[in-house]
PDB file of N, CA and C in Angstrom:
ATOM      1  N   ILE A   1      -1.109  18.509   0.297  1.00  0.00           N
ATOM      2  CA  ILE A   1      -0.534  17.678   1.015  1.00  0.00           C
ATOM      3  C   ILE A   1       0.551  17.075   0.561  1.00  0.00           C
ATOM      4  N   THR A   2       0.905  16.655  -0.583  1.00  0.00           N
ATOM      5  CA  THR A   2       2.038  16.264  -1.113  1.00  0.00           C
ATOM      6  C   THR A   2       3.302  16.924  -1.215  1.00  0.00           C
ATOM      7  N   SER A   3       4.526  16.426  -0.992  1.00  0.00           N
ATOM      8  CA  SER A   3       5.379  17.165  -0.909  1.00  0.00           C
ATOM      9  C   SER A   3       6.686  15.981  -1.615  1.00  0.00           C
ATOM     10  N   TYR A   4       7.898  16.734  -1.663  1.00  0.00           N
ATOM     11  CA  TYR A   4       9.176  16.351  -1.647  1.00  0.00           C
ATOM     12  C   TYR A   4       9.601  15.541  -0.286  1.00  0.00           C
ATOM     13  N   CYS A   5      10.100  14.482  -0.279  1.00  0.00           N
ATOM     14  CA  CYS A   5      10.555  13.678   1.081  1.00  0.00           C
ATOM     15  C   CYS A   5      11.965  13.393   0.916  1.00  0.00           C
ATOM     16  N   PRO A   6      12.745  14.290   1.301  1.00  0.00           N
ATOM     17  CA  PRO A   6      14.262  13.906   1.062  1.00  0.00           C
ATOM     18  C   PRO A   6      14.622  12.496   1.957  1.00  0.00           C
ATOM     19  N   GLY A   7      15.526  11.849   0.575  1.00  0.00           N
ATOM     20  CA  GLY A   7      15.942  10.856   1.381  1.00  0.00           C
ATOM     21  C   GLY A   7      15.331   9.415   1.086  1.00  0.00           C
ATOM     22  N   VAL A   8      14.178   9.908   0.511  1.00  0.00           N
ATOM     23  CA  VAL A   8      13.006   8.805   0.205  1.00  0.00           C
ATOM     24  C   VAL A   8      13.342   8.482  -1.386  1.00  0.00           C
ATOM     25  N   PRO A   9      13.301   7.454  -1.586  1.00  0.00           N
ATOM     26  CA  PRO A   9      13.756   6.758  -3.328  1.00  0.00           C
ATOM     27  C   PRO A   9      12.459   7.302  -4.215  1.00  0.00           C
ATOM     28  N   THR A  10      12.368   7.318  -5.109  1.00  0.00           N
ATOM     29  CA  THR A  10      11.580   7.650  -6.327  1.00  0.00           C
ATOM     30  C   THR A  10      10.459   6.386  -6.522  1.00  0.00           C
ATOM     31  N   SER A  11      10.656   5.374  -6.275  1.00  0.00           N
ATOM     32  CA  SER A  11      10.076   4.055  -6.322  1.00  0.00           C
ATOM     33  C   SER A  11      10.198   3.351  -5.131  1.00  0.00           C
ATOM     34  N   ILE A  12       9.276   2.404  -4.994  1.00  0.00           N
ATOM     35  CA  ILE A  12       9.595   1.259  -3.711  1.00  0.00           C
ATOM     36  C   ILE A  12      10.299   0.168  -4.460  1.00  0.00           C
ATOM     37  N   PRO A  13      11.463  -0.183  -3.874  1.00  0.00           N
ATOM     38  CA  PRO A  13      12.213  -1.183  -4.433  1.00  0.00           C
ATOM     39  C   PRO A  13      12.019  -2.398  -4.299  1.00  0.00           C
ATOM     40  N   THR A  14      12.046  -3.440  -5.123  1.00  0.00           N
ATOM     41  CA  THR A  14      11.669  -4.628  -4.843  1.00  0.00           C
ATOM     42  C   THR A  14      12.594  -5.521  -3.409  1.00  0.00           C
ATOM     43  N   GLU A  15      13.674  -4.870  -3.523  1.00  0.00           N
ATOM     44  CA  GLU A  15      14.684  -5.072  -2.146  1.00  0.00           C
ATOM     45  C   GLU A  15      13.551  -5.050  -0.788  1.00  0.00           C
ATOM     46  N   ILE A  16      12.802  -4.280  -0.951  1.00  0.00           N
ATOM     47  CA  ILE A  16      12.060  -4.033   0.386  1.00  0.00           C
ATOM     48  C   ILE A  16      11.755  -5.246   1.017  1.00  0.00           C
ATOM     49  N   GLY A  17      11.459  -6.342   0.247  1.00  0.00           N
ATOM     50  CA  GLY A  17      11.201  -7.789   1.018  1.00  0.00           C
ATOM     51  C   GLY A  17      12.181  -8.122   1.673  1.00  0.00           C
ATOM     52  N   TYR A  18      13.623  -7.816   1.767  1.00  0.00           N
ATOM     53  CA  TYR A  18      14.521  -8.602   2.572  1.00  0.00           C
ATOM     54  C   TYR A  18      14.377  -7.919   3.980  1.00  0.00           C
ATOM     55  N   PHE A  19      13.648  -6.749   4.033  1.00  0.00           N
ATOM     56  CA  PHE A  19      13.729  -6.159   5.441  1.00  0.00           C
ATOM     57  C   PHE A  19      12.368  -6.833   6.363  1.00  0.00           C
ATOM     58  N   THR A  20      12.700  -7.913   6.366  1.00  0.00           N
ATOM     59  CA  THR A  20      11.608  -8.909   7.134  1.00  0.00           C
ATOM     60  C   THR A  20      11.074  -8.595   8.282  1.00  0.00           C
ATOM     61  N   ASN A  21      11.553  -7.397   9.317  1.00  0.00           N
ATOM     62  CA  ASN A  21      11.427  -7.224  10.322  1.00  0.00           C
ATOM     63  C   ASN A  21      10.681  -5.797  10.291  1.00  0.00           C
ATOM     64  N   LEU A  22      10.516  -5.459   9.386  1.00  0.00           N
ATOM     65  CA  LEU A  22       9.790  -4.043   9.374  1.00  0.00           C
ATOM     66  C   LEU A  22       8.364  -4.042  10.179  1.00  0.00           C
ATOM     67  N   ARG A  23       7.945  -3.153  10.440  1.00  0.00           N
ATOM     68  CA  ARG A  23       6.607  -3.347  11.301  1.00  0.00           C
ATOM     69  C   ARG A  23       5.915  -1.944  10.597  1.00  0.00           C
ATOM     70  N   ALA A  24       6.400  -1.098  10.128  1.00  0.00           N
ATOM     71  CA  ALA A  24       5.533   0.123   9.201  1.00  0.00           C
ATOM     72  C   ALA A  24       6.702   0.752   8.203  1.00  0.00           C
ATOM     73  N   ILE A  25       5.820   0.991   7.230  1.00  0.00           N
ATOM     74  CA  ILE A  25       6.019   1.872   6.242  1.00  0.00           C
ATOM     75  C   ILE A  25       5.297   3.099   5.957  1.00  0.00           C
ATOM     76  N   ASP A  26       6.002   4.200   5.933  1.00  0.00           N
ATOM     77  CA  ASP A  26       4.806   5.424   5.913  1.00  0.00           C
ATOM     78  C   ASP A  26       5.447   6.277   4.864  1.00  0.00           C
ATOM     79  N   PHE A  27       5.077   6.230   3.439  1.00  0.00           N
ATOM     80  CA  PHE A  27       5.518   7.373   2.855  1.00  0.00           C
ATOM     81  C   PHE A  27       4.489   8.447   2.441  1.00  0.00           C
ATOM     82  N   TYR A  28       3.494   8.338   3.391  1.00  0.00           N
ATOM     83  CA  TYR A  28       2.458   9.410   3.378  1.00  0.00           C
ATOM     84  C   TYR A  28       2.915  10.960   2.862  1.00  0.00           C
ATOM     85  N   GLY A  29       2.168  11.207   1.643  1.00  0.00           N
ATOM     86  CA  GLY A  29       2.573  12.753   1.021  1.00  0.00           C
ATOM     87  C   GLY A  29       3.980  12.981   0.079  1.00  0.00           C
ATOM     88  N   CYS A  30       4.571  11.659   0.147  1.00  0.00           N
ATOM     89  CA  CYS A  30       5.865  11.731  -0.699  1.00  0.00           C
ATOM     90  C   CYS A  30       5.565  11.607  -2.048  1.00  0.00           C
ATOM     91  N   SER A  31       5.279  12.830  -2.448  1.00  0.00           N
ATOM     92  CA  SER A  31       4.580  12.849  -4.134  1.00  0.00           C
ATOM     93  C   SER A  31       5.779  11.975  -5.337  1.00  0.00           C
ATOM     94  N   GLN A  32       7.393  12.370  -4.748  1.00  0.00           N
ATOM     95  CA  GLN A  32       8.036  11.436  -5.854  1.00  0.00           C
ATOM     96  C   GLN A  32       8.070   9.969  -5.787  1.00  0.00           C
ATOM     97  N   ILE A  33       7.175   9.558  -4.818  1.00  0.00           N
ATOM     98  CA  ILE A  33       7.194   7.936  -5.355  1.00  0.00           C
ATOM     99  C   ILE A  33       6.091   7.673  -6.264  1.00  0.00           C
ATOM    100  N   THR A  34       6.612   6.832  -7.335  1.00  0.00           N
ATOM    101  CA  THR A  34       5.895   6.727  -8.491  1.00  0.00           C
ATOM    102  C   THR A  34       6.099   4.874  -8.952  1.00  0.00           C
ATOM    103  N   GLY A  35       5.339   4.238  -9.632  1.00  0.00           N
ATOM    104  CA  GLY A  35       5.614   2.950 -10.065  1.00  0.00           C
ATOM    105  C   GLY A  35       4.560   2.228  -8.925  1.00  0.00           C
ATOM    106  N   SER A  36       4.492   0.613  -9.241  1.00  0.00           N
ATOM    107  CA  SER A  36       3.608  -0.262  -8.541  1.00  0.00           C
ATOM    108  C   SER A  36       4.177  -0.386  -7.168  1.00  0.00           C
ATOM    109  N   ILE A  37       3.340  -1.227  -6.335  1.00  0.00           N
ATOM    110  CA  ILE A  37       3.714  -1.627  -5.080  1.00  0.00           C
ATOM    111  C   ILE A  37       4.114  -2.994  -5.545  1.00  0.00           C
ATOM    112  N   PRO A  38       5.323  -3.204  -4.987  1.00  0.00           N
ATOM    113  CA  PRO A  38       5.893  -4.495  -5.516  1.00  0.00           C
ATOM    114  C   PRO A  38       5.354  -5.611  -4.732  1.00  0.00           C
ATOM    115  N   SER A  39       5.362  -6.742  -5.373  1.00  0.00           N
ATOM    116  CA  SER A  39       4.862  -8.103  -4.365  1.00  0.00           C
ATOM    117  C   SER A  39       5.559  -8.502  -3.150  1.00  0.00           C
ATOM    118  N   GLU A  40       6.866  -8.073  -3.211  1.00  0.00           N
ATOM    119  CA  GLU A  40       7.490  -8.213  -2.148  1.00  0.00           C
ATOM    120  C   GLU A  40       7.127  -7.804  -1.152  1.00  0.00           C
ATOM    121  N   ILE A  41       6.217  -6.903  -0.780  1.00  0.00           N
ATOM    122  CA  ILE A  41       5.778  -6.342   0.319  1.00  0.00           C
ATOM    123  C   ILE A  41       4.993  -7.640   0.787  1.00  0.00           C
ATOM    124  N   GLY A  42       4.545  -8.278   0.363  1.00  0.00           N
ATOM    125  CA  GLY A  42       4.077  -9.715   1.162  1.00  0.00           C
ATOM    126  C   GLY A  42       5.127 -10.251   1.914  1.00  0.00           C
ATOM    127  N   LEU A  43       6.128 -10.336   1.638  1.00  0.00           N
ATOM    128  CA  LEU A  43       7.272 -10.990   2.404  1.00  0.00           C
ATOM    129  C   LEU A  43       7.591 -10.496   3.892  1.00  0.00           C
ATOM    130  N   LEU A  44       6.946  -9.071   4.242  1.00  0.00           N
ATOM    131  CA  LEU A  44       7.229  -8.297   5.356  1.00  0.00           C
ATOM    132  C   LEU A  44       5.717  -8.558   6.428  1.00  0.00           C
ATOM    133  N   LEU A  45       5.949 -10.057   6.754  1.00  0.00           N
ATOM    134  CA  LEU A  45       5.061 -10.798   7.865  1.00  0.00           C
ATOM    135  C   LEU A  45       4.644 -10.079   8.788  1.00  0.00           C
ATOM    136  N   GLN A  46       5.602  -8.808   9.513  1.00  0.00           N
ATOM    137  CA  GLN A  46       5.370  -8.234  10.675  1.00  0.00           C
ATOM    138  C   GLN A  46       4.897  -6.637  10.684  1.00  0.00           C
ATOM    139  N   LEU A  47       4.594  -6.626   9.331  1.00  0.00           N
ATOM    140  CA  LEU A  47       4.047  -5.076   8.892  1.00  0.00           C
ATOM    141  C   LEU A  47       2.876  -4.995   9.456  1.00  0.00           C
ATOM    142  N   THR A  48       2.537  -3.854  10.321  1.00  0.00           N
ATOM    143  CA  THR A  48       1.044  -3.765  10.613  1.00  0.00           C
ATOM    144  C   THR A  48       0.617  -2.344   9.819  1.00  0.00           C
ATOM    145  N   ALA A  49       1.414  -1.441   9.338  1.00  0.00           N
ATOM    146  CA  ALA A  49       0.910  -0.324   8.926  1.00  0.00           C
ATOM    147  C   ALA A  49       1.668  -0.104   7.485  1.00  0.00           C
ATOM    148  N   LEU A  50       0.836   0.074   6.649  1.00  0.00           N
ATOM    149  CA  LEU A  50       1.484   0.681   5.131  1.00  0.00           C
ATOM    150  C   LEU A  50       0.912   1.698   4.583  1.00  0.00           C
ATOM    151  N   GLY A  51       1.459   2.853   4.643  1.00  0.00           N
ATOM    152  CA  GLY A  51       0.981   4.498   4.320  1.00  0.00           C
ATOM    153  C   GLY A  51       1.703   4.706   3.071  1.00  0.00           C
ATOM    154  N   LEU A  52       0.492   4.838   2.100  1.00  0.00           N
ATOM    155  CA  LEU A  52       0.989   5.191   0.598  1.00  0.00           C
ATOM    156  C   LEU A  52       0.234   6.263   0.135  1.00  0.00           C
ATOM    157  N   GLY A  53      -0.632   7.090   1.199  1.00  0.00           N
ATOM    158  CA  GLY A  53      -1.576   8.113   0.437  1.00  0.00           C
ATOM    159  C   GLY A  53      -0.684   8.971   0.040  1.00  0.00           C
ATOM    160  N   TYR A  54      -1.380   9.923  -1.098  1.00  0.00           N
ATOM    161  CA  TYR A  54      -0.921  11.143  -1.491  1.00  0.00           C
ATOM    162  C   TYR A  54       0.704  10.713  -1.999  1.00  0.00           C
ATOM    163  N   THR A  55       0.747   9.817  -2.520  1.00  0.00           N
ATOM    164  CA  THR A  55       1.816   9.369  -3.320  1.00  0.00           C
ATOM    165  C   THR A  55       1.468   9.091  -4.969  1.00  0.00           C
ATOM    166  N   MET A  56       2.302   8.907  -5.909  1.00  0.00           N
ATOM    167  CA  MET A  56       2.145   8.705  -6.940  1.00  0.00           C
ATOM    168  C   MET A  56       2.075   7.241  -7.571  1.00  0.00           C
ATOM    169  N   VAL A  57       2.021   6.416  -6.676  1.00  0.00           N
ATOM    170  CA  VAL A  57       1.701   4.946  -6.818  1.00  0.00           C
ATOM    171  C   VAL A  57       0.817   4.578  -7.911  1.00  0.00           C
ATOM    172  N   ASP A  58       1.023   3.888  -8.534  1.00  0.00           N
ATOM    173  CA  ASP A  58       0.166   3.173  -9.588  1.00  0.00           C
ATOM    174  C   ASP A  58       0.056   1.639  -9.569  1.00  0.00           C
ATOM    175  N   GLY A  59      -0.862   1.274 -10.794  1.00  0.00           N
ATOM    176  CA  GLY A  59      -0.846  -0.211 -10.682  1.00  0.00           C
ATOM    177  C   GLY A  59      -2.041  -0.916 -10.106  1.00  0.00           C
ATOM    178  N   SER A  60      -2.018  -2.243  -9.908  1.00  0.00           N
ATOM    179  CA  SER A  60      -2.955  -2.796  -8.986  1.00  0.00           C
ATOM    180  C   SER A  60      -2.521  -3.374  -7.548  1.00  0.00           C
ATOM    181  N   ILE A  61      -3.308  -3.566  -6.891  1.00  0.00           N
ATOM    182  CA  ILE A  61      -2.784  -4.032  -5.459  1.00  0.00           C
ATOM    183  C   ILE A  61      -2.214  -5.571  -5.829  1.00  0.00           C
ATOM    184  N   PRO A  62      -1.222  -5.643  -5.261  1.00  0.00           N
ATOM    185  CA  PRO A  62      -0.616  -7.224  -5.497  1.00  0.00           C
ATOM    186  C   PRO A  62      -1.170  -7.987  -4.156  1.00  0.00           C
ATOM    187  N   GLY A  63      -1.887  -9.320  -4.728  1.00  0.00           N
ATOM    188  CA  GLY A  63      -2.337 -10.007  -3.761  1.00  0.00           C
ATOM    189  C   GLY A  63      -1.711 -10.528  -2.448  1.00  0.00           C
ATOM    190  N   GLN A  64      -0.507 -10.194  -2.684  1.00  0.00           N
ATOM    191  CA  GLN A  64       0.665 -10.623  -1.574  1.00  0.00           C
ATOM    192  C   GLN A  64       0.373  -9.740  -0.321  1.00  0.00           C
ATOM    193  N   VAL A  65      -0.074  -8.499  -0.453  1.00  0.00           N
ATOM    194  CA  VAL A  65      -0.369  -7.535   0.358  1.00  0.00           C
ATOM    195  C   VAL A  65      -1.226  -8.255   1.366  1.00  0.00           C
ATOM    196  N   PHE A  66      -2.216  -8.783   1.140  1.00  0.00           N
ATOM    197  CA  PHE A  66      -3.507  -9.376   1.750  1.00  0.00           C
ATOM    198  C   PHE A  66      -3.039 -10.752   2.471  1.00  0.00           C
ATOM    199  N   THR A  67      -1.699 -11.037   2.348  1.00  0.00           N
ATOM    200  CA  THR A  67      -1.267 -12.266   3.561  1.00  0.00           C
ATOM    201  C   THR A  67      -0.564 -11.835   4.477  1.00  0.00           C
ATOM    202  N   ILE A  68      -0.677 -10.586   4.634  1.00  0.00           N
ATOM    203  CA  ILE A  68       0.271  -9.967   5.984  1.00  0.00           C
ATOM    204  C   ILE A  68      -0.990  -9.903   7.107  1.00  0.00           C
ATOM    205  N   LEU A  69      -1.070 -11.104   7.608  1.00  0.00           N
ATOM    206  CA  LEU A  69      -2.268 -11.028   8.665  1.00  0.00           C
ATOM    207  C   LEU A  69      -2.321 -10.083   9.660  1.00  0.00           C
ATOM    208  N   GLY A  70      -1.065  -9.543  10.004  1.00  0.00           N
ATOM    209  CA  GLY A  70      -0.962  -8.351  10.990  1.00  0.00           C
ATOM    210  C   GLY A  70      -1.357  -7.166  10.423  1.00  0.00           C
ATOM    211  N   LEU A  71      -1.669  -6.924   9.037  1.00  0.00           N
ATOM    212  CA  LEU A  71      -1.673  -5.544   8.553  1.00  0.00           C
ATOM    213  C   LEU A  71      -2.905  -5.031   9.195  1.00  0.00           C
ATOM    214  N   GLY A  72      -2.527  -3.760  10.030  1.00  0.00           N
ATOM    215  CA  GLY A  72      -4.014  -3.202  10.412  1.00  0.00           C
ATOM    216  C   GLY A  72      -4.387  -1.918   9.869  1.00  0.00           C
ATOM    217  N   TYR A  73      -3.324  -1.208   9.014  1.00  0.00           N
ATOM    218  CA  TYR A  73      -3.456   0.140   8.172  1.00  0.00           C
ATOM    219  C   TYR A  73      -3.000   0.264   7.168  1.00  0.00           C
ATOM    220  N   PHE A  74      -3.749   0.454   5.773  1.00  0.00           N
ATOM    221  CA  PHE A  74      -3.472   0.506   4.731  1.00  0.00           C
ATOM    222  C   PHE A  74      -3.830   1.574   3.812  1.00  0.00           C
ATOM    223  N   ASP A  75      -3.146   2.431   3.534  1.00  0.00           N
ATOM    224  CA  ASP A  75      -3.681   3.837   3.183  1.00  0.00           C
ATOM    225  C   ASP A  75      -3.226   4.017   1.513  1.00  0.00           C
ATOM    226  N   LEU A  76      -4.244   4.093   0.823  1.00  0.00           N
ATOM    227  CA  LEU A  76      -4.261   4.191  -0.586  1.00  0.00           C
ATOM    228  C   LEU A  76      -4.562   5.600  -1.124  1.00  0.00           C
ATOM    229  N   SER A  77      -5.092   6.453  -0.298  1.00  0.00           N
ATOM    230  CA  SER A  77      -5.811   7.396  -0.834  1.00  0.00           C
ATOM    231  C   SER A  77      -4.995   8.626  -1.261  1.00  0.00           C
ATOM    232  N   TYR A  78      -5.709   9.010  -2.505  1.00  0.00           N
ATOM    233  CA  TYR A  78      -5.341  10.076  -3.497  1.00  0.00           C
ATOM    234  C   TYR A  78      -4.227   9.569  -4.048  1.00  0.00           C
ATOM    235  N   THR A  79      -4.054   8.047  -4.445  1.00  0.00           N
ATOM    236  CA  THR A  79      -3.018   7.570  -5.253  1.00  0.00           C
ATOM    237  C   THR A  79      -3.688   7.086  -6.766  1.00  0.00           C
ATOM    238  N   LEU A  80      -2.840   6.503  -7.412  1.00  0.00           N
ATOM    239  CA  LEU A  80      -3.194   6.091  -8.908  1.00  0.00           C
ATOM    240  C   LEU A  80      -3.347   4.855  -9.107  1.00  0.00           C
ATOM    241  N   VAL A  81      -3.628   3.842  -7.764  1.00  0.00           N
ATOM    242  CA  VAL A  81      -3.812   2.608  -8.212  1.00  0.00           C
ATOM    243  C   VAL A  81      -5.298   2.230  -8.542  1.00  0.00           C
ATOM    244  N   SER A  82      -5.404   1.426  -9.489  1.00  0.00           N
ATOM    245  CA  SER A  82      -6.469   0.861  -9.981  1.00  0.00           C
ATOM    246  C   SER A  82      -6.636  -0.684  -9.926  1.00  0.00           C
ATOM    247  N   GLY A  83      -7.858  -0.902 -10.521  1.00  0.00           N
ATOM    248  CA  GLY A  83      -8.108  -2.507 -10.610  1.00  0.00           C
ATOM    249  C   GLY A  83      -8.903  -2.830  -9.272  1.00  0.00           C
ATOM    250  N   VAL A  84      -9.286  -3.939  -9.103  1.00  0.00           N
ATOM    251  CA  VAL A  84     -10.331  -4.549  -8.101  1.00  0.00           C
ATOM    252  C   VAL A  84      -9.333  -4.795  -6.855  1.00  0.00           C
ATOM    253  N   VAL A  85     -10.150  -4.618  -5.543  1.00  0.00           N
ATOM    254  CA  VAL A  85      -9.444  -4.931  -4.341  1.00  0.00           C
ATOM    255  C   VAL A  85      -9.604  -6.446  -4.650  1.00  0.00           C
ATOM    256  N   PRO A  86      -8.489  -7.005  -4.139  1.00  0.00           N
ATOM    257  CA  PRO A  86      -8.656  -8.482  -3.970  1.00  0.00           C
ATOM    258  C   PRO A  86      -9.791  -9.027  -2.881  1.00  0.00           C
ATOM    259  N   THR A  87     -10.351 -10.035  -3.054  1.00  0.00           N
ATOM    260  CA  THR A  87     -11.316 -10.342  -2.214  1.00  0.00           C
ATOM    261  C   THR A  87     -10.657 -11.180  -1.025  1.00  0.00           C
ATOM    262  N   ASP A  88      -9.375 -11.469  -0.763  1.00  0.00           N
ATOM    263  CA  ASP A  88      -8.741 -11.614   0.719  1.00  0.00           C
ATOM    264  C   ASP A  88      -8.708 -10.379   1.484  1.00  0.00           C
ATOM    265  N   LEU A  89      -9.283  -9.427   1.139  1.00  0.00           N
ATOM    266  CA  LEU A  89      -9.490  -8.071   1.860  1.00  0.00           C
ATOM    267  C   LEU A  89     -10.541  -8.532   2.980  1.00  0.00           C
ATOM    268  N   GLN A  90     -11.457  -9.519   2.392  1.00  0.00           N
ATOM    269  CA  GLN A  90     -12.724  -9.662   3.313  1.00  0.00           C
ATOM    270  C   GLN A  90     -12.097 -10.523   4.622  1.00  0.00           C
ATOM    271  N   SER A  91     -11.415 -11.188   4.241  1.00  0.00           N
ATOM    272  CA  SER A  91     -10.593 -12.081   6.033  1.00  0.00           C
ATOM    273  C   SER A  91      -9.866 -11.351   6.704  1.00  0.00           C
ATOM    274  N   MET A  92      -9.924  -9.965   6.026  1.00  0.00           N
ATOM    275  CA  MET A  92      -9.013  -9.165   7.379  1.00  0.00           C
ATOM    276  C   MET A  92      -9.726  -8.074   8.166  1.00  0.00           C
ATOM    277  N   GLN A  93     -10.605  -8.706   9.103  1.00  0.00           N
ATOM    278  CA  GLN A  93     -11.088  -7.789   9.847  1.00  0.00           C
ATOM    279  C   GLN A  93     -10.654  -6.587  10.583  1.00  0.00           C
ATOM    280  N   GLN A  94      -9.194  -6.895  10.867  1.00  0.00           N
ATOM    281  CA  GLN A  94      -8.783  -5.653  11.965  1.00  0.00           C
ATOM    282  C   GLN A  94      -8.494  -4.512  10.931  1.00  0.00           C
ATOM    283  N   LEU A  95      -8.009  -4.601   9.694  1.00  0.00           N
ATOM    284  CA  LEU A  95      -7.676  -3.828   8.547  1.00  0.00           C
ATOM    285  C   LEU A  95      -8.519  -2.682   8.473  1.00  0.00           C
ATOM    286  N   SER A  96      -7.789  -1.055   8.666  1.00  0.00           N
ATOM    287  CA  SER A  96      -8.421  -0.247   8.218  1.00  0.00           C
ATOM    288  C   SER A  96      -7.781   0.111   6.902  1.00  0.00           C
ATOM    289  N   PHE A  97      -8.839   0.103   5.714  1.00  0.00           N
ATOM    290  CA  PHE A  97      -8.038   0.509   4.326  1.00  0.00           C
ATOM    291  C   PHE A  97      -8.869   1.729   4.076  1.00  0.00           C
ATOM    292  N   ILE A  98      -7.940   2.483   3.647  1.00  0.00           N
ATOM    293  CA  ILE A  98      -8.075   3.845   3.278  1.00  0.00           C
ATOM    294  C   ILE A  98      -8.242   4.088   1.721  1.00  0.00           C
ATOM    295  N   VAL A  99      -9.201   4.313   0.999  1.00  0.00           N
ATOM    296  CA  VAL A  99      -9.029   4.539  -0.556  1.00  0.00           C
ATOM    297  C   VAL A  99      -9.696   5.820  -0.773  1.00  0.00           C
ATOM    298  N   ASP A 100      -9.980   6.964   0.342  1.00  0.00           N
ATOM    299  CA  ASP A 100     -10.375   8.211  -0.034  1.00  0.00           C
ATOM    300  C   ASP A 100      -9.851   8.862  -1.404  1.00  0.00           C
ATOM    301  N   GLY A 101     -10.581   9.237  -2.354  1.00  0.00           N
ATOM    302  CA  GLY A 101     -10.105   9.896  -3.618  1.00  0.00           C
ATOM    303  C   GLY A 101      -9.186   8.951  -4.699  1.00  0.00           C
ATOM    304  N   THR A 102      -9.273   7.744  -4.356  1.00  0.00           N
ATOM    305  CA  THR A 102      -8.500   6.907  -5.536  1.00  0.00           C
ATOM    306  C   THR A 102      -9.509   6.789  -6.190  1.00  0.00           C
ATOM    307  N   GLN A 103      -9.795   7.104  -7.331  1.00  0.00           N
ATOM    308  CA  GLN A 103     -10.621   6.999  -8.421  1.00  0.00           C
ATOM    309  C   GLN A 103     -10.656   5.673  -9.425  1.00  0.00           C
ATOM    310  N   ASN A 104      -9.788   4.994  -9.371  1.00  0.00           N
ATOM    311  CA  ASN A 104      -9.705   3.935 -10.374  1.00  0.00           C
ATOM    312  C   ASN A 104      -9.789   2.536  -9.410  1.00  0.00           C
ATOM    313  N   LEU A 105     -10.024   2.650  -8.580  1.00  0.00           N
ATOM    314  CA  LEU A 105     -10.195   1.130  -7.721  1.00  0.00           C
ATOM    315  C   LEU A 105     -11.368   1.023  -7.149  1.00  0.00           C
ATOM    316  N   GLU A 106     -11.728  -0.213  -7.925  1.00  0.00           N
ATOM    317  CA  GLU A 106     -13.019  -0.882  -7.852  1.00  0.00           C
ATOM    318  C   GLU A 106     -13.081  -1.698  -5.995  1.00  0.00           C
ATOM    319  N   THR A 107     -13.718  -1.043  -5.426  1.00  0.00           N
ATOM    320  CA  THR A 107     -14.002  -1.634  -3.990  1.00  0.00           C
ATOM    321  C   THR A 107     -15.315  -2.050  -3.605  1.00  0.00           C
ATOM    322  N   SER A 108     -16.291  -2.300  -4.976  1.00  0.00           N
ATOM    323  CA  SER A 108     -18.016  -2.711  -4.524  1.00  0.00           C
ATOM    324  C   SER A 108     -17.719  -4.054  -4.058  1.00  0.00           C
ATOM    325  N   GLU A 109     -16.792  -5.130  -4.228  1.00  0.00           N
ATOM    326  CA  GLU A 109     -16.865  -6.380  -3.753  1.00  0.00           C
ATOM    327  C   GLU A 109     -16.929  -6.764  -2.441  1.00  0.00           C
ATOM    328  N   PHE A 110     -16.867  -5.611  -1.572  1.00  0.00           N
ATOM    329  CA  PHE A 110     -16.710  -6.048   0.061  1.00  0.00           C
ATOM    330  C   PHE A 110     -17.438  -4.868   0.509  1.00  0.00           C
ATOM    331  N   THR A 111     -17.980  -5.311   2.017  1.00  0.00           N
ATOM    332  CA  THR A 111     -18.749  -4.107   2.526  1.00  0.00           C
ATOM    333  C   THR A 111     -17.943  -3.871   3.798  1.00  0.00           C
TER     334      THR A 111
END
């Protein structure tokens, strides 16, 4: 499923936080994307979908992601993300959170 996506950067730049009207980010399958999820993602308050599945994104999930109240889809399947899912996730009842195949992410704190 992973492939190279022409025109897509090799990491998610911190400047992404300047694009406050973004509603969706979908890097699904863009295997050239590495590095961590920048906390500036939390500035995108209009964001409803964040697709990072099948990328090489790593590190922990910044808590700022879970301040985006309208976020309804967050895919981290088959990434290198690790750590504990923030407890803030519990307050986001509309969120489809996909972590299939992500082996270093602790999700047992929520149901």
